[in-house]
Amino acid sequence: MKRKITITIGRKNYSFLTDESKEKVQKIKDIIAEDYEKFAHVIESTDKKGVDDLLILMLLNHVSKEIGYDEALREQREKTERLVVELERMKTERGEIAG
């Protein structure tokens, strides 16, 4: 069941409907608050351009992290594939020695 949540960025509230767990919503809020603190210096006034700049920086930060996670995941998959091939090779060699 969807419920309304409100996320505050700076002095502005943004409301959304979600069916995500309360724990996940809180984690999202915590990450947004952390990013806001990291990039809030961008806002020199309360004009819309300052908020837009802040949101763009936050978005770029998360996209950059996501790309890093994708790259790390790809590297782990490649490593796993190499290990599986090596295990199969060792298994074959062991069978040839025993047989």
N, C-alpha and C. Protein backbone atom coordinates (compact mmCIF):
# COMPACT_ATOMS: atom_id res chain seq x y z
N MET A 1 0.83 -1.17 0.00
CA MET A 1 0.00 0.00 0.00
C MET A 1 0.89 1.25 0.00
N LYS A 2 0.61 2.13 -0.89
CA LYS A 2 1.43 3.34 -1.00
C LYS A 2 1.10 4.31 0.12
N ARG A 3 2.16 4.97 0.57
CA ARG A 3 1.98 6.00 1.59
C ARG A 3 2.78 7.22 1.18
N LYS A 4 2.40 8.35 1.73
CA LYS A 4 3.06 9.60 1.39
C LYS A 4 4.27 9.80 2.30
N ILE A 5 5.39 10.14 1.68
CA ILE A 5 6.58 10.50 2.45
C ILE A 5 7.01 11.89 2.02
N THR A 6 7.73 12.56 2.89
CA THR A 6 8.24 13.88 2.59
C THR A 6 9.73 13.89 2.85
N ILE A 7 10.48 14.36 1.88
CA ILE A 7 11.93 14.49 2.00
C ILE A 7 12.25 15.98 1.95
N THR A 8 13.05 16.42 2.90
CA THR A 8 13.43 17.82 2.96
C THR A 8 14.85 17.99 2.43
N ILE A 9 14.99 18.89 1.46
CA ILE A 9 16.31 19.25 0.93
C ILE A 9 16.44 20.74 1.14
N GLY A 10 17.35 21.10 2.03
CA GLY A 10 17.46 22.50 2.38
C GLY A 10 16.21 22.93 3.11
N ARG A 11 15.59 23.96 2.62
CA ARG A 11 14.34 24.46 3.24
C ARG A 11 13.11 24.07 2.43
N LYS A 12 13.28 23.17 1.49
CA LYS A 12 12.17 22.79 0.62
C LYS A 12 11.78 21.34 0.86
N ASN A 13 10.48 21.09 0.92
CA ASN A 13 9.96 19.74 1.11
C ASN A 13 9.48 19.17 -0.22
N TYR A 14 9.78 17.90 -0.43
CA TYR A 14 9.34 17.18 -1.62
C TYR A 14 8.56 15.97 -1.14
N SER A 15 7.33 15.82 -1.61
CA SER A 15 6.47 14.72 -1.19
C SER A 15 6.32 13.72 -2.32
N PHE A 16 6.29 12.44 -1.93
CA PHE A 16 6.19 11.34 -2.88
C PHE A 16 5.27 10.27 -2.31
N LEU A 17 4.75 9.46 -3.19
CA LEU A 17 4.03 8.25 -2.77
C LEU A 17 4.97 7.08 -2.98
N THR A 18 5.01 6.17 -2.01
CA THR A 18 5.90 5.02 -2.14
C THR A 18 5.31 3.81 -1.43
N ASP A 19 5.78 2.65 -1.85
CA ASP A 19 5.44 1.42 -1.15
C ASP A 19 6.72 0.76 -0.61
N GLU A 20 7.81 1.52 -0.60
CA GLU A 20 9.07 1.03 -0.05
C GLU A 20 8.95 0.91 1.47
N SER A 21 9.79 0.06 2.05
CA SER A 21 9.77 -0.13 3.50
C SER A 21 10.21 1.14 4.21
N LYS A 22 9.80 1.27 5.46
CA LYS A 22 10.19 2.45 6.26
C LYS A 22 11.70 2.51 6.40
N GLU A 23 12.33 1.35 6.54
CA GLU A 23 13.79 1.30 6.68
C GLU A 23 14.48 1.84 5.42
N LYS A 24 13.98 1.41 4.26
CA LYS A 24 14.58 1.87 3.01
C LYS A 24 14.36 3.37 2.82
N VAL A 25 13.17 3.84 3.14
CA VAL A 25 12.87 5.27 3.02
C VAL A 25 13.79 6.06 3.94
N GLN A 26 14.00 5.56 5.16
CA GLN A 26 14.89 6.27 6.09
C GLN A 26 16.32 6.29 5.57
N LYS A 27 16.76 5.20 4.97
CA LYS A 27 18.11 5.15 4.40
C LYS A 27 18.24 6.17 3.27
N ILE A 28 17.22 6.26 2.43
CA ILE A 28 17.22 7.24 1.34
C ILE A 28 17.29 8.65 1.91
N LYS A 29 16.47 8.92 2.93
CA LYS A 29 16.49 10.24 3.56
C LYS A 29 17.87 10.55 4.14
N ASP A 30 18.48 9.57 4.77
CA ASP A 30 19.81 9.78 5.37
C ASP A 30 20.86 10.09 4.30
N ILE A 31 20.80 9.37 3.18
CA ILE A 31 21.75 9.61 2.10
C ILE A 31 21.56 11.00 1.51
N ILE A 32 20.30 11.40 1.33
CA ILE A 32 20.02 12.74 0.79
C ILE A 32 20.53 13.81 1.76
N ALA A 33 20.30 13.61 3.05
CA ALA A 33 20.77 14.58 4.05
C ALA A 33 22.29 14.67 4.03
N GLU A 34 22.95 13.53 3.90
CA GLU A 34 24.42 13.50 3.85
C GLU A 34 24.93 14.24 2.61
N ASP A 35 24.30 13.97 1.48
CA ASP A 35 24.69 14.66 0.24
C ASP A 35 24.43 16.16 0.34
N TYR A 36 23.31 16.50 0.95
CA TYR A 36 22.98 17.92 1.08
C TYR A 36 24.08 18.63 1.87
N GLU A 37 24.50 18.02 2.97
CA GLU A 37 25.56 18.63 3.78
C GLU A 37 26.86 18.75 2.98
N LYS A 38 27.12 17.77 2.14
CA LYS A 38 28.35 17.75 1.35
C LYS A 38 28.35 18.86 0.29
N PHE A 39 27.20 19.13 -0.31
CA PHE A 39 27.14 20.05 -1.45
C PHE A 39 26.39 21.36 -1.16
N ALA A 40 25.92 21.56 0.06
CA ALA A 40 25.11 22.74 0.37
C ALA A 40 25.85 24.05 0.13
N HIS A 41 27.18 24.03 0.17
CA HIS A 41 27.95 25.25 -0.06
C HIS A 41 27.69 25.85 -1.44
N VAL A 42 27.14 25.05 -2.34
CA VAL A 42 26.85 25.52 -3.70
C VAL A 42 25.77 26.60 -3.67
N ILE A 43 24.86 26.47 -2.72
CA ILE A 43 23.76 27.44 -2.65
C ILE A 43 24.24 28.69 -1.93
N GLU A 44 24.37 29.75 -2.66
CA GLU A 44 24.80 31.02 -2.07
C GLU A 44 23.61 31.88 -1.70
N SER A 45 22.46 31.58 -2.28
CA SER A 45 21.23 32.29 -1.95
C SER A 45 20.09 31.28 -2.03
N THR A 46 18.89 31.71 -1.80
CA THR A 46 17.76 30.78 -1.83
C THR A 46 17.08 30.75 -3.19
N ASP A 47 17.75 31.25 -4.21
CA ASP A 47 17.13 31.27 -5.54
C ASP A 47 17.06 29.85 -6.12
N LYS A 48 16.23 29.68 -7.11
CA LYS A 48 16.02 28.37 -7.72
C LYS A 48 17.29 27.83 -8.35
N LYS A 49 18.11 28.69 -8.95
CA LYS A 49 19.33 28.22 -9.58
C LYS A 49 20.23 27.52 -8.58
N GLY A 50 20.32 28.04 -7.36
CA GLY A 50 21.14 27.40 -6.34
C GLY A 50 20.65 26.00 -6.01
N VAL A 51 19.35 25.84 -5.86
CA VAL A 51 18.78 24.54 -5.57
C VAL A 51 18.99 23.60 -6.76
N ASP A 52 18.80 24.10 -7.97
CA ASP A 52 19.04 23.27 -9.15
C ASP A 52 20.49 22.79 -9.19
N ASP A 53 21.43 23.69 -8.91
CA ASP A 53 22.84 23.32 -8.90
C ASP A 53 23.11 22.23 -7.86
N LEU A 54 22.53 22.40 -6.69
CA LEU A 54 22.71 21.42 -5.63
C LEU A 54 22.17 20.05 -6.05
N LEU A 55 20.96 20.04 -6.60
CA LEU A 55 20.36 18.77 -7.02
C LEU A 55 21.16 18.10 -8.13
N ILE A 56 21.70 18.89 -9.05
CA ILE A 56 22.54 18.33 -10.11
C ILE A 56 23.80 17.71 -9.52
N LEU A 57 24.44 18.39 -8.57
CA LEU A 57 25.64 17.83 -7.94
C LEU A 57 25.32 16.53 -7.21
N MET A 58 24.18 16.51 -6.51
CA MET A 58 23.78 15.29 -5.81
C MET A 58 23.53 14.16 -6.80
N LEU A 59 22.86 14.48 -7.89
CA LEU A 59 22.59 13.47 -8.91
C LEU A 59 23.88 12.95 -9.53
N LEU A 60 24.77 13.85 -9.88
CA LEU A 60 26.06 13.44 -10.45
C LEU A 60 26.84 12.55 -9.48
N ASN A 61 26.80 12.90 -8.22
CA ASN A 61 27.49 12.10 -7.21
C ASN A 61 26.94 10.68 -7.17
N HIS A 62 25.62 10.54 -7.21
CA HIS A 62 25.02 9.20 -7.16
C HIS A 62 25.24 8.42 -8.45
N VAL A 63 25.20 9.08 -9.57
CA VAL A 63 25.46 8.39 -10.84
C VAL A 63 26.91 7.90 -10.86
N SER A 64 27.82 8.73 -10.38
CA SER A 64 29.22 8.34 -10.31
C SER A 64 29.40 7.12 -9.43
N LYS A 65 28.75 7.10 -8.26
CA LYS A 65 28.83 5.94 -7.37
C LYS A 65 28.25 4.70 -8.04
N GLU A 66 27.13 4.87 -8.73
CA GLU A 66 26.49 3.73 -9.40
C GLU A 66 27.41 3.14 -10.46
N ILE A 67 28.08 4.01 -11.22
CA ILE A 67 29.01 3.53 -12.23
C ILE A 67 30.14 2.76 -11.55
N GLY A 68 30.65 3.27 -10.44
CA GLY A 68 31.70 2.57 -9.70
C GLY A 68 31.24 1.20 -9.22
N TYR A 69 30.01 1.12 -8.73
CA TYR A 69 29.46 -0.16 -8.28
C TYR A 69 29.31 -1.12 -9.46
N ASP A 70 28.85 -0.61 -10.60
CA ASP A 70 28.70 -1.45 -11.79
C ASP A 70 30.06 -2.01 -12.22
N GLU A 71 31.09 -1.15 -12.19
CA GLU A 71 32.42 -1.60 -12.58
C GLU A 71 32.96 -2.64 -11.60
N ALA A 72 32.76 -2.42 -10.32
CA ALA A 72 33.21 -3.39 -9.31
C ALA A 72 32.48 -4.72 -9.47
N LEU A 73 31.18 -4.66 -9.75
CA LEU A 73 30.39 -5.87 -9.96
C LEU A 73 30.88 -6.62 -11.19
N ARG A 74 31.15 -5.90 -12.28
CA ARG A 74 31.66 -6.52 -13.50
C ARG A 74 32.99 -7.22 -13.21
N GLU A 75 33.88 -6.54 -12.49
CA GLU A 75 35.18 -7.12 -12.16
C GLU A 75 35.02 -8.39 -11.32
N GLN A 76 34.08 -8.38 -10.38
CA GLN A 76 33.85 -9.56 -9.55
C GLN A 76 33.28 -10.72 -10.37
N ARG A 77 32.40 -10.39 -11.31
CA ARG A 77 31.85 -11.44 -12.18
C ARG A 77 32.95 -12.06 -13.04
N GLU A 78 33.81 -11.22 -13.59
CA GLU A 78 34.92 -11.73 -14.40
C GLU A 78 35.85 -12.60 -13.56
N LYS A 79 36.13 -12.17 -12.34
CA LYS A 79 36.98 -12.94 -11.45
C LYS A 79 36.34 -14.29 -11.13
N THR A 80 35.04 -14.28 -10.87
CA THR A 80 34.31 -15.52 -10.58
C THR A 80 34.35 -16.47 -11.77
N GLU A 81 34.15 -15.91 -12.98
CA GLU A 81 34.22 -16.75 -14.19
C GLU A 81 35.60 -17.37 -14.35
N ARG A 82 36.66 -16.59 -14.09
CA ARG A 82 38.02 -17.14 -14.19
C ARG A 82 38.25 -18.24 -13.16
N LEU A 83 37.73 -18.05 -11.96
CA LEU A 83 37.87 -19.06 -10.91
C LEU A 83 37.12 -20.34 -11.26
N VAL A 84 35.94 -20.20 -11.84
CA VAL A 84 35.16 -21.38 -12.25
C VAL A 84 35.93 -22.15 -13.33
N VAL A 85 36.48 -21.43 -14.29
CA VAL A 85 37.26 -22.09 -15.35
C VAL A 85 38.47 -22.80 -14.74
N GLU A 86 39.15 -22.14 -13.82
CA GLU A 86 40.32 -22.74 -13.18
C GLU A 86 39.93 -23.97 -12.36
N LEU A 87 38.82 -23.92 -11.65
CA LEU A 87 38.34 -25.07 -10.88
C LEU A 87 38.00 -26.24 -11.80
N GLU A 88 37.35 -25.95 -12.90
CA GLU A 88 37.01 -27.00 -13.87
C GLU A 88 38.28 -27.63 -14.44
N ARG A 89 39.27 -26.80 -14.72
CA ARG A 89 40.55 -27.31 -15.25
C ARG A 89 41.21 -28.21 -14.21
N MET A 90 41.22 -27.77 -12.96
CA MET A 90 41.84 -28.56 -11.89
C MET A 90 41.09 -29.87 -11.67
N LYS A 91 39.79 -29.81 -11.77
CA LYS A 91 38.95 -30.99 -11.61
C LYS A 91 39.25 -32.00 -12.72
N THR A 92 39.38 -31.50 -13.93
CA THR A 92 39.70 -32.36 -15.07
C THR A 92 41.08 -32.99 -14.89
N GLU A 93 42.07 -32.19 -14.51
CA GLU A 93 43.42 -32.70 -14.30
C GLU A 93 43.44 -33.75 -13.19
N ARG A 94 42.71 -33.49 -12.14
CA ARG A 94 42.66 -34.44 -11.01
C ARG A 94 42.06 -35.77 -11.47
N GLY A 95 41.02 -35.68 -12.28
CA GLY A 95 40.39 -36.90 -12.79
C GLY A 95 41.33 -37.68 -13.69
N GLU A 96 42.15 -36.96 -14.49
CA GLU A 96 43.10 -37.62 -15.39
C GLU A 96 44.21 -38.30 -14.59
N ILE A 97 44.62 -37.66 -13.50
CA ILE A 97 45.69 -38.23 -12.67
C ILE A 97 45.17 -39.47 -11.93
N ALA A 98 43.97 -39.39 -11.41
CA ALA A 98 43.37 -40.50 -10.66
C ALA A 98 42.99 -41.64 -11.57
N GLY A 99 42.69 -41.32 -12.81
CA GLY A 99 42.17 -42.34 -13.72
C GLY A 99 43.22 -43.02 -14.48
